[in-house]
Amino acid sequence: MKRIVIVVVVVGVVAVGLFSARRFVGFGNGGGKAETDVQLTVQGGVCVASPGVQDLGGGWKFKIKWNVKNVDCDIPQYVAFLEYRERIGPLLGQPEQGIVDPDPASSKRLVRGDSDTVNGKIEKLHFSWSNSDKIYKYKICVGPNPNPTTNCLDPDVDVWPF
């Protein structure tokens, strides 16, 4: 009986240690980064978010951020991060709430040359025995008015398993 208790305690300690290493040290992290840069540039006479925005990623309650810079748009712009849809093979699911907080996340008014950091955190709790990420497409929308919903780019955010 004593051996069983010792084995259970050892297994428990190892499990807690692995969980802690994954959560706090980054051992076994999934895809995406904790922050990404978003540059606003004029293309074809329209201010847009430049392609090349890197995927964001993190586990439950991980902080993420978008570093936004208005490179050469003469008209002041706002940027919104919204409409998270799970990627299911080649298809996208319906927009979901509770993936990232806040939703939508928005920048301040950005004049030419101005920058802003938009902070968020992963709110989606994702369990996976296969240790695979859940990948969501989202929109980065740019416009001259607060909370734009058109003129959008669609990178990914990876939710790491718990």
N, C-alpha and C. Protein backbone atom coordinates (compact mmCIF):
# COMPACT_ATOMS: atom_id res chain seq x y z
N MET A 1 0.82 -1.19 0.00
CA MET A 1 0.00 0.00 0.00
C MET A 1 0.86 1.25 0.00
N LYS A 2 1.98 1.22 0.79
CA LYS A 2 2.87 2.38 0.84
C LYS A 2 3.46 2.68 -0.52
N ARG A 3 3.81 1.64 -1.28
CA ARG A 3 4.41 1.83 -2.61
C ARG A 3 3.43 2.54 -3.55
N ILE A 4 2.19 2.16 -3.48
CA ILE A 4 1.18 2.78 -4.35
C ILE A 4 1.06 4.27 -4.03
N VAL A 5 1.04 4.60 -2.76
CA VAL A 5 0.96 6.00 -2.35
C VAL A 5 2.19 6.76 -2.85
N ILE A 6 3.36 6.19 -2.71
CA ILE A 6 4.59 6.84 -3.16
C ILE A 6 4.56 7.04 -4.68
N VAL A 7 4.13 6.02 -5.42
CA VAL A 7 4.05 6.13 -6.88
C VAL A 7 3.06 7.23 -7.27
N VAL A 8 1.91 7.28 -6.63
CA VAL A 8 0.91 8.30 -6.94
C VAL A 8 1.46 9.70 -6.65
N VAL A 9 2.14 9.85 -5.53
CA VAL A 9 2.72 11.15 -5.18
C VAL A 9 3.79 11.55 -6.20
N VAL A 10 4.66 10.63 -6.57
CA VAL A 10 5.72 10.93 -7.54
C VAL A 10 5.10 11.31 -8.90
N VAL A 11 4.13 10.55 -9.35
CA VAL A 11 3.46 10.87 -10.62
C VAL A 11 2.80 12.24 -10.53
N GLY A 12 2.17 12.54 -9.42
CA GLY A 12 1.54 13.85 -9.24
C GLY A 12 2.55 14.99 -9.28
N VAL A 13 3.68 14.81 -8.61
CA VAL A 13 4.72 15.84 -8.60
C VAL A 13 5.28 16.06 -10.02
N VAL A 14 5.51 14.97 -10.75
CA VAL A 14 6.01 15.08 -12.12
C VAL A 14 4.99 15.80 -12.99
N ALA A 15 3.72 15.45 -12.87
CA ALA A 15 2.66 16.09 -13.66
C ALA A 15 2.59 17.59 -13.37
N VAL A 16 2.63 17.95 -12.10
CA VAL A 16 2.60 19.38 -11.73
C VAL A 16 3.84 20.09 -12.26
N GLY A 17 4.99 19.43 -12.19
CA GLY A 17 6.22 20.03 -12.70
C GLY A 17 6.16 20.27 -14.20
N LEU A 18 5.67 19.28 -14.95
CA LEU A 18 5.54 19.45 -16.41
C LEU A 18 4.54 20.54 -16.75
N PHE A 19 3.41 20.58 -16.05
CA PHE A 19 2.42 21.63 -16.27
C PHE A 19 3.02 23.01 -16.00
N SER A 20 3.75 23.13 -14.90
CA SER A 20 4.37 24.41 -14.55
C SER A 20 5.40 24.82 -15.59
N ALA A 21 6.20 23.86 -16.05
CA ALA A 21 7.21 24.18 -17.06
C ALA A 21 6.54 24.66 -18.34
N ARG A 22 5.47 24.03 -18.73
CA ARG A 22 4.76 24.43 -19.95
C ARG A 22 4.15 25.81 -19.78
N ARG A 23 3.49 26.06 -18.67
CA ARG A 23 2.78 27.32 -18.47
C ARG A 23 3.72 28.50 -18.23
N PHE A 24 4.75 28.31 -17.43
CA PHE A 24 5.51 29.45 -16.97
C PHE A 24 6.89 29.60 -17.61
N VAL A 25 7.43 28.54 -18.16
CA VAL A 25 8.76 28.61 -18.77
C VAL A 25 8.65 28.56 -20.29
N GLY A 26 7.54 28.05 -20.79
CA GLY A 26 7.35 27.99 -22.24
C GLY A 26 7.73 26.66 -22.84
N PHE A 27 7.99 25.65 -22.00
CA PHE A 27 8.32 24.32 -22.49
C PHE A 27 7.14 23.76 -23.30
N GLY A 28 7.39 23.35 -24.53
CA GLY A 28 6.34 22.72 -25.34
C GLY A 28 5.30 23.68 -25.87
N ASN A 29 5.64 24.97 -26.00
CA ASN A 29 4.67 25.92 -26.51
C ASN A 29 4.30 25.62 -27.94
N GLY A 30 3.11 26.05 -28.33
CA GLY A 30 2.61 25.85 -29.68
C GLY A 30 3.07 26.94 -30.62
N GLY A 31 2.30 27.11 -31.70
CA GLY A 31 2.64 28.10 -32.72
C GLY A 31 2.25 29.51 -32.30
N GLY A 32 2.73 30.47 -33.06
CA GLY A 32 2.42 31.86 -32.79
C GLY A 32 3.32 32.46 -31.73
N LYS A 33 3.32 33.79 -31.69
CA LYS A 33 4.15 34.53 -30.74
C LYS A 33 3.27 35.36 -29.83
N ALA A 34 3.86 35.87 -28.77
CA ALA A 34 3.11 36.68 -27.81
C ALA A 34 2.82 38.08 -28.35
N GLU A 35 3.58 38.53 -29.33
CA GLU A 35 3.31 39.85 -29.91
C GLU A 35 3.67 39.86 -31.39
N THR A 36 3.05 40.78 -32.10
CA THR A 36 3.31 40.92 -33.53
C THR A 36 3.20 42.38 -33.93
N ASP A 37 3.88 42.73 -35.00
CA ASP A 37 3.85 44.10 -35.52
C ASP A 37 2.83 44.22 -36.63
N VAL A 38 2.10 45.32 -36.62
CA VAL A 38 1.12 45.62 -37.66
C VAL A 38 1.49 47.00 -38.21
N GLN A 39 1.82 47.04 -39.48
CA GLN A 39 2.18 48.31 -40.11
C GLN A 39 1.09 48.76 -41.06
N LEU A 40 0.71 50.02 -40.93
CA LEU A 40 -0.29 50.61 -41.84
C LEU A 40 0.46 51.34 -42.95
N THR A 41 0.16 50.96 -44.19
CA THR A 41 0.80 51.58 -45.35
C THR A 41 -0.25 51.86 -46.41
N VAL A 42 0.08 52.79 -47.29
CA VAL A 42 -0.81 53.11 -48.40
C VAL A 42 -0.49 52.16 -49.55
N GLN A 43 -1.53 51.46 -50.01
CA GLN A 43 -1.40 50.56 -51.17
C GLN A 43 -2.57 50.83 -52.09
N GLY A 44 -2.26 51.25 -53.31
CA GLY A 44 -3.31 51.58 -54.26
C GLY A 44 -4.17 52.74 -53.82
N GLY A 45 -3.58 53.67 -53.09
CA GLY A 45 -4.31 54.84 -52.61
C GLY A 45 -5.15 54.61 -51.37
N VAL A 46 -5.07 53.39 -50.78
CA VAL A 46 -5.86 53.05 -49.60
C VAL A 46 -4.92 52.64 -48.47
N CYS A 47 -5.23 53.09 -47.26
CA CYS A 47 -4.44 52.70 -46.09
C CYS A 47 -4.87 51.30 -45.65
N VAL A 48 -3.91 50.38 -45.58
CA VAL A 48 -4.20 48.99 -45.22
C VAL A 48 -3.18 48.48 -44.21
N ALA A 49 -3.52 47.39 -43.54
CA ALA A 49 -2.55 46.67 -42.71
C ALA A 49 -1.71 45.84 -43.66
N SER A 50 -0.39 46.03 -43.62
CA SER A 50 0.50 45.31 -44.54
C SER A 50 0.47 43.82 -44.28
N PRO A 51 0.49 43.02 -45.37
CA PRO A 51 0.61 41.57 -45.18
C PRO A 51 1.92 41.27 -44.45
N GLY A 52 2.01 40.09 -43.88
CA GLY A 52 3.23 39.72 -43.17
C GLY A 52 3.07 39.81 -41.67
N VAL A 53 1.84 40.09 -41.19
CA VAL A 53 1.60 40.08 -39.75
C VAL A 53 1.80 38.65 -39.26
N GLN A 54 2.67 38.47 -38.28
CA GLN A 54 2.94 37.12 -37.78
C GLN A 54 1.79 36.60 -36.94
N ASP A 55 1.66 35.28 -36.90
CA ASP A 55 0.61 34.66 -36.08
C ASP A 55 0.87 34.94 -34.61
N LEU A 56 -0.20 35.22 -33.88
CA LEU A 56 -0.13 35.32 -32.43
C LEU A 56 -0.42 33.95 -31.85
N GLY A 57 -0.01 33.73 -30.62
CA GLY A 57 -0.32 32.46 -29.98
C GLY A 57 -0.10 32.53 -28.49
N GLY A 58 -0.77 31.66 -27.79
CA GLY A 58 -0.59 31.58 -26.35
C GLY A 58 -1.59 30.63 -25.73
N GLY A 59 -1.33 30.27 -24.51
CA GLY A 59 -2.24 29.43 -23.75
C GLY A 59 -3.25 30.29 -23.02
N TRP A 60 -4.13 29.64 -22.32
CA TRP A 60 -5.19 30.31 -21.56
C TRP A 60 -4.59 31.37 -20.63
N LYS A 61 -5.12 32.58 -20.71
CA LYS A 61 -4.73 33.75 -19.90
C LYS A 61 -3.36 34.33 -20.27
N PHE A 62 -2.72 33.84 -21.34
CA PHE A 62 -1.46 34.43 -21.78
C PHE A 62 -1.72 35.81 -22.36
N LYS A 63 -0.83 36.74 -22.08
CA LYS A 63 -0.95 38.09 -22.64
C LYS A 63 -0.40 38.10 -24.06
N ILE A 64 -1.09 38.84 -24.93
CA ILE A 64 -0.65 39.03 -26.31
C ILE A 64 -0.71 40.52 -26.61
N LYS A 65 0.01 40.94 -27.65
CA LYS A 65 -0.10 42.35 -28.03
C LYS A 65 0.22 42.56 -29.49
N TRP A 66 -0.42 43.58 -30.01
CA TRP A 66 -0.19 44.04 -31.38
C TRP A 66 0.51 45.39 -31.29
N ASN A 67 1.66 45.52 -31.94
CA ASN A 67 2.38 46.79 -32.01
C ASN A 67 2.02 47.42 -33.35
N VAL A 68 1.21 48.46 -33.31
CA VAL A 68 0.66 49.07 -34.52
C VAL A 68 1.41 50.35 -34.83
N LYS A 69 1.78 50.53 -36.11
CA LYS A 69 2.46 51.76 -36.54
C LYS A 69 1.86 52.24 -37.85
N ASN A 70 1.48 53.52 -37.88
CA ASN A 70 1.02 54.15 -39.12
C ASN A 70 2.27 54.65 -39.84
N VAL A 71 2.71 53.90 -40.83
CA VAL A 71 3.96 54.20 -41.54
C VAL A 71 3.79 55.41 -42.46
N ASP A 72 2.78 55.37 -43.36
CA ASP A 72 2.68 56.47 -44.33
C ASP A 72 1.25 56.81 -44.75
N CYS A 73 0.27 56.56 -43.90
CA CYS A 73 -1.11 56.94 -44.20
C CYS A 73 -1.32 58.38 -43.73
N ASP A 74 -1.65 59.27 -44.67
CA ASP A 74 -1.81 60.68 -44.32
C ASP A 74 -3.07 60.95 -43.50
N ILE A 75 -4.14 60.22 -43.76
CA ILE A 75 -5.37 60.38 -42.99
C ILE A 75 -5.24 59.55 -41.72
N PRO A 76 -5.50 60.14 -40.54
CA PRO A 76 -5.41 59.36 -39.30
C PRO A 76 -6.29 58.11 -39.37
N GLN A 77 -5.81 57.02 -38.77
CA GLN A 77 -6.46 55.73 -38.86
C GLN A 77 -6.67 55.10 -37.48
N TYR A 78 -7.67 54.22 -37.43
CA TYR A 78 -7.92 53.36 -36.27
C TYR A 78 -7.76 51.92 -36.75
N VAL A 79 -7.39 51.03 -35.84
CA VAL A 79 -7.25 49.62 -36.17
C VAL A 79 -8.07 48.81 -35.16
N ALA A 80 -8.81 47.83 -35.67
CA ALA A 80 -9.60 46.94 -34.80
C ALA A 80 -9.20 45.49 -35.07
N PHE A 81 -9.19 44.70 -34.01
CA PHE A 81 -8.86 43.27 -34.07
C PHE A 81 -10.13 42.53 -33.63
N LEU A 82 -10.74 41.77 -34.54
CA LEU A 82 -12.06 41.22 -34.25
C LEU A 82 -12.37 39.97 -35.06
N GLU A 83 -13.50 39.39 -34.79
CA GLU A 83 -14.12 38.29 -35.53
C GLU A 83 -13.24 37.05 -35.61
N TYR A 84 -13.13 36.36 -34.50
CA TYR A 84 -12.31 35.15 -34.41
C TYR A 84 -13.11 33.94 -34.89
N ARG A 85 -12.57 33.21 -35.87
CA ARG A 85 -13.23 32.04 -36.45
C ARG A 85 -12.26 30.86 -36.41
N GLU A 86 -12.72 29.73 -35.87
CA GLU A 86 -11.86 28.55 -35.81
C GLU A 86 -11.57 28.05 -37.22
N ARG A 87 -10.31 27.71 -37.46
CA ARG A 87 -9.92 27.11 -38.73
C ARG A 87 -10.14 25.61 -38.60
N ILE A 88 -10.99 25.08 -39.46
CA ILE A 88 -11.32 23.65 -39.45
C ILE A 88 -10.92 23.11 -40.82
N GLY A 89 -9.68 22.62 -40.91
CA GLY A 89 -9.14 22.22 -42.21
C GLY A 89 -9.09 23.44 -43.11
N PRO A 90 -9.64 23.35 -44.32
CA PRO A 90 -9.62 24.50 -45.22
C PRO A 90 -10.77 25.48 -44.97
N LEU A 91 -11.68 25.15 -44.05
CA LEU A 91 -12.87 25.96 -43.80
C LEU A 91 -12.70 26.78 -42.53
N LEU A 92 -13.58 27.78 -42.38
CA LEU A 92 -13.62 28.59 -41.16
C LEU A 92 -14.98 28.43 -40.50
N GLY A 93 -14.97 28.32 -39.17
CA GLY A 93 -16.22 28.25 -38.42
C GLY A 93 -16.88 29.61 -38.33
N GLN A 94 -17.95 29.67 -37.59
CA GLN A 94 -18.67 30.92 -37.36
C GLN A 94 -17.88 31.79 -36.38
N PRO A 95 -18.05 33.12 -36.43
CA PRO A 95 -17.37 33.98 -35.46
C PRO A 95 -17.73 33.58 -34.03
N GLU A 96 -16.72 33.56 -33.17
CA GLU A 96 -16.92 33.17 -31.77
C GLU A 96 -16.49 34.30 -30.84
N GLN A 97 -17.13 34.38 -29.71
CA GLN A 97 -16.73 35.30 -28.64
C GLN A 97 -15.89 34.51 -27.64
N GLY A 98 -15.11 35.21 -26.83
CA GLY A 98 -14.37 34.56 -25.76
C GLY A 98 -13.07 33.92 -26.18
N ILE A 99 -12.54 34.27 -27.35
CA ILE A 99 -11.25 33.75 -27.78
C ILE A 99 -10.14 34.65 -27.24
N VAL A 100 -10.27 35.94 -27.47
CA VAL A 100 -9.31 36.94 -27.01
C VAL A 100 -10.09 38.04 -26.29
N ASP A 101 -9.52 38.58 -25.24
CA ASP A 101 -10.12 39.69 -24.50
C ASP A 101 -9.17 40.88 -24.55
N PRO A 102 -9.62 42.07 -24.94
CA PRO A 102 -10.98 42.42 -25.32
C PRO A 102 -11.30 42.00 -26.75
N ASP A 103 -12.57 41.90 -27.04
CA ASP A 103 -13.04 41.57 -28.38
C ASP A 103 -14.23 42.45 -28.70
N PRO A 104 -14.09 43.39 -29.60
CA PRO A 104 -12.88 43.68 -30.36
C PRO A 104 -11.88 44.49 -29.55
N ALA A 105 -10.62 44.36 -29.94
CA ALA A 105 -9.55 45.20 -29.38
C ALA A 105 -9.31 46.31 -30.40
N SER A 106 -9.04 47.51 -29.94
CA SER A 106 -8.89 48.64 -30.85
C SER A 106 -7.71 49.51 -30.48
N SER A 107 -7.16 50.14 -31.50
CA SER A 107 -6.05 51.08 -31.28
C SER A 107 -6.59 52.47 -31.02
N LYS A 108 -5.70 53.33 -30.60
CA LYS A 108 -6.03 54.75 -30.52
C LYS A 108 -5.98 55.32 -31.94
N ARG A 109 -6.32 56.57 -32.10
CA ARG A 109 -6.22 57.27 -33.38
C ARG A 109 -4.74 57.42 -33.73
N LEU A 110 -4.38 56.96 -34.92
CA LEU A 110 -2.96 56.96 -35.32
C LEU A 110 -2.73 57.90 -36.50
N VAL A 111 -2.03 59.00 -36.22
CA VAL A 111 -1.63 59.90 -37.31
C VAL A 111 -0.37 59.32 -37.95
N ARG A 112 0.00 59.84 -39.10
CA ARG A 112 1.19 59.35 -39.81
C ARG A 112 2.41 59.36 -38.88
N GLY A 113 3.12 58.23 -38.81
CA GLY A 113 4.31 58.09 -37.97
C GLY A 113 4.01 57.69 -36.53
N ASP A 114 2.75 57.67 -36.13
CA ASP A 114 2.37 57.36 -34.75
C ASP A 114 2.31 55.84 -34.54
N SER A 115 2.48 55.42 -33.27
CA SER A 115 2.43 54.00 -32.90
C SER A 115 1.50 53.81 -31.71
N ASP A 116 1.05 52.58 -31.54
CA ASP A 116 0.23 52.22 -30.38
C ASP A 116 0.43 50.74 -30.10
N THR A 117 0.36 50.36 -28.85
CA THR A 117 0.38 48.96 -28.46
C THR A 117 -1.01 48.59 -27.98
N VAL A 118 -1.59 47.59 -28.62
CA VAL A 118 -2.92 47.11 -28.25
C VAL A 118 -2.73 45.79 -27.51
N ASN A 119 -3.12 45.77 -26.24
CA ASN A 119 -2.93 44.60 -25.39
C ASN A 119 -4.18 43.73 -25.34
N GLY A 120 -3.96 42.44 -25.21
CA GLY A 120 -5.05 41.50 -25.05
C GLY A 120 -4.55 40.28 -24.30
N LYS A 121 -5.42 39.31 -24.14
CA LYS A 121 -5.02 38.03 -23.55
C LYS A 121 -5.90 36.94 -24.12
N ILE A 122 -5.34 35.75 -24.17
CA ILE A 122 -6.08 34.58 -24.65
C ILE A 122 -7.10 34.19 -23.58
N GLU A 123 -8.36 34.14 -23.95
CA GLU A 123 -9.42 33.76 -23.01
C GLU A 123 -9.90 32.34 -23.23
N LYS A 124 -9.60 31.77 -24.37
CA LYS A 124 -10.10 30.44 -24.72
C LYS A 124 -9.30 29.38 -23.96
N LEU A 125 -9.99 28.56 -23.20
CA LEU A 125 -9.37 27.43 -22.52
C LEU A 125 -9.49 26.24 -23.45
N HIS A 126 -8.36 25.64 -23.79
CA HIS A 126 -8.33 24.56 -24.78
C HIS A 126 -7.56 23.38 -24.22
N PHE A 127 -8.26 22.23 -24.09
CA PHE A 127 -7.62 20.99 -23.66
C PHE A 127 -7.36 20.13 -24.88
N SER A 128 -6.21 19.48 -24.95
CA SER A 128 -5.90 18.62 -26.08
C SER A 128 -4.97 17.51 -25.63
N TRP A 129 -5.40 16.27 -25.79
CA TRP A 129 -4.54 15.14 -25.47
C TRP A 129 -3.45 14.99 -26.51
N SER A 130 -3.70 15.47 -27.73
CA SER A 130 -2.70 15.35 -28.80
C SER A 130 -1.72 16.53 -28.79
N ASN A 131 -1.91 17.48 -27.86
CA ASN A 131 -1.04 18.65 -27.73
C ASN A 131 -1.07 19.54 -28.97
N SER A 132 -2.19 19.56 -29.68
CA SER A 132 -2.29 20.39 -30.88
C SER A 132 -2.99 21.72 -30.57
N ASP A 133 -2.55 22.76 -31.28
CA ASP A 133 -3.15 24.08 -31.13
C ASP A 133 -4.53 24.11 -31.77
N LYS A 134 -5.36 25.03 -31.30
CA LYS A 134 -6.59 25.38 -32.00
C LYS A 134 -6.26 26.69 -32.70
N ILE A 135 -6.49 26.75 -34.00
CA ILE A 135 -6.10 27.93 -34.77
C ILE A 135 -7.35 28.71 -35.17
N TYR A 136 -7.28 30.01 -34.93
CA TYR A 136 -8.38 30.91 -35.26
C TYR A 136 -7.89 31.97 -36.24
N LYS A 137 -8.69 32.23 -37.26
CA LYS A 137 -8.48 33.37 -38.14
C LYS A 137 -9.14 34.55 -37.47
N TYR A 138 -8.59 35.72 -37.62
CA TYR A 138 -9.25 36.93 -37.12
C TYR A 138 -8.99 38.05 -38.11
N LYS A 139 -9.69 39.14 -37.93
CA LYS A 139 -9.55 40.27 -38.84
C LYS A 139 -8.81 41.41 -38.16
N ILE A 140 -7.94 42.06 -38.95
CA ILE A 140 -7.35 43.34 -38.57
C ILE A 140 -7.93 44.34 -39.55
N CYS A 141 -8.81 45.21 -39.06
CA CYS A 141 -9.50 46.16 -39.93
C CYS A 141 -8.98 47.57 -39.68
N VAL A 142 -8.88 48.34 -40.76
CA VAL A 142 -8.29 49.66 -40.73
C VAL A 142 -9.28 50.67 -41.31
N GLY A 143 -9.41 51.82 -40.66
CA GLY A 143 -10.28 52.86 -41.20
C GLY A 143 -10.12 54.17 -40.47
N PRO A 144 -10.69 55.25 -41.04
CA PRO A 144 -10.55 56.58 -40.44
C PRO A 144 -11.48 56.81 -39.24
N ASN A 145 -12.41 55.87 -38.98
CA ASN A 145 -13.33 56.01 -37.85
C ASN A 145 -13.05 54.92 -36.81
N PRO A 146 -13.39 55.17 -35.53
CA PRO A 146 -13.16 54.16 -34.51
C PRO A 146 -13.88 52.84 -34.82
N ASN A 147 -13.28 51.74 -34.42
CA ASN A 147 -13.84 50.39 -34.57
C ASN A 147 -14.21 50.05 -36.01
N PRO A 148 -13.26 50.15 -36.94
CA PRO A 148 -13.57 49.82 -38.33
C PRO A 148 -13.88 48.33 -38.50
N THR A 149 -14.72 48.01 -39.49
CA THR A 149 -15.07 46.61 -39.75
C THR A 149 -14.88 46.24 -41.22
N THR A 150 -14.33 47.15 -42.01
CA THR A 150 -14.04 46.86 -43.41
C THR A 150 -12.56 47.11 -43.65
N ASN A 151 -12.07 46.83 -44.87
CA ASN A 151 -10.66 47.02 -45.21
C ASN A 151 -9.80 46.19 -44.25
N CYS A 152 -9.95 44.86 -44.34
CA CYS A 152 -9.38 43.96 -43.33
C CYS A 152 -8.33 42.99 -43.89
N LEU A 153 -7.43 42.61 -43.02
CA LEU A 153 -6.44 41.56 -43.24
C LEU A 153 -6.80 40.43 -42.28
N ASP A 154 -6.45 39.16 -42.61
CA ASP A 154 -6.88 38.05 -41.75
C ASP A 154 -5.77 37.07 -41.38
N PRO A 155 -4.91 37.43 -40.41
CA PRO A 155 -3.89 36.48 -39.92
C PRO A 155 -4.50 35.49 -38.92
N ASP A 156 -3.64 34.71 -38.24
CA ASP A 156 -4.09 33.67 -37.31
C ASP A 156 -3.70 33.99 -35.88
N VAL A 157 -4.45 33.37 -34.96
CA VAL A 157 -4.04 33.30 -33.56
C VAL A 157 -4.17 31.83 -33.16
N ASP A 158 -3.10 31.26 -32.58
CA ASP A 158 -3.05 29.86 -32.17
C ASP A 158 -3.31 29.77 -30.67
N VAL A 159 -4.31 29.00 -30.27
CA VAL A 159 -4.59 28.79 -28.85
C VAL A 159 -3.95 27.46 -28.46
N TRP A 160 -2.96 27.54 -27.59
CA TRP A 160 -2.21 26.36 -27.17
C TRP A 160 -3.05 25.52 -26.21
N PRO A 161 -2.83 24.22 -26.23
CA PRO A 161 -3.57 23.36 -25.29
C PRO A 161 -3.12 23.60 -23.86
N PHE A 162 -4.01 23.31 -22.95
CA PHE A 162 -3.77 23.51 -21.51
C PHE A 162 -2.98 22.36 -20.98
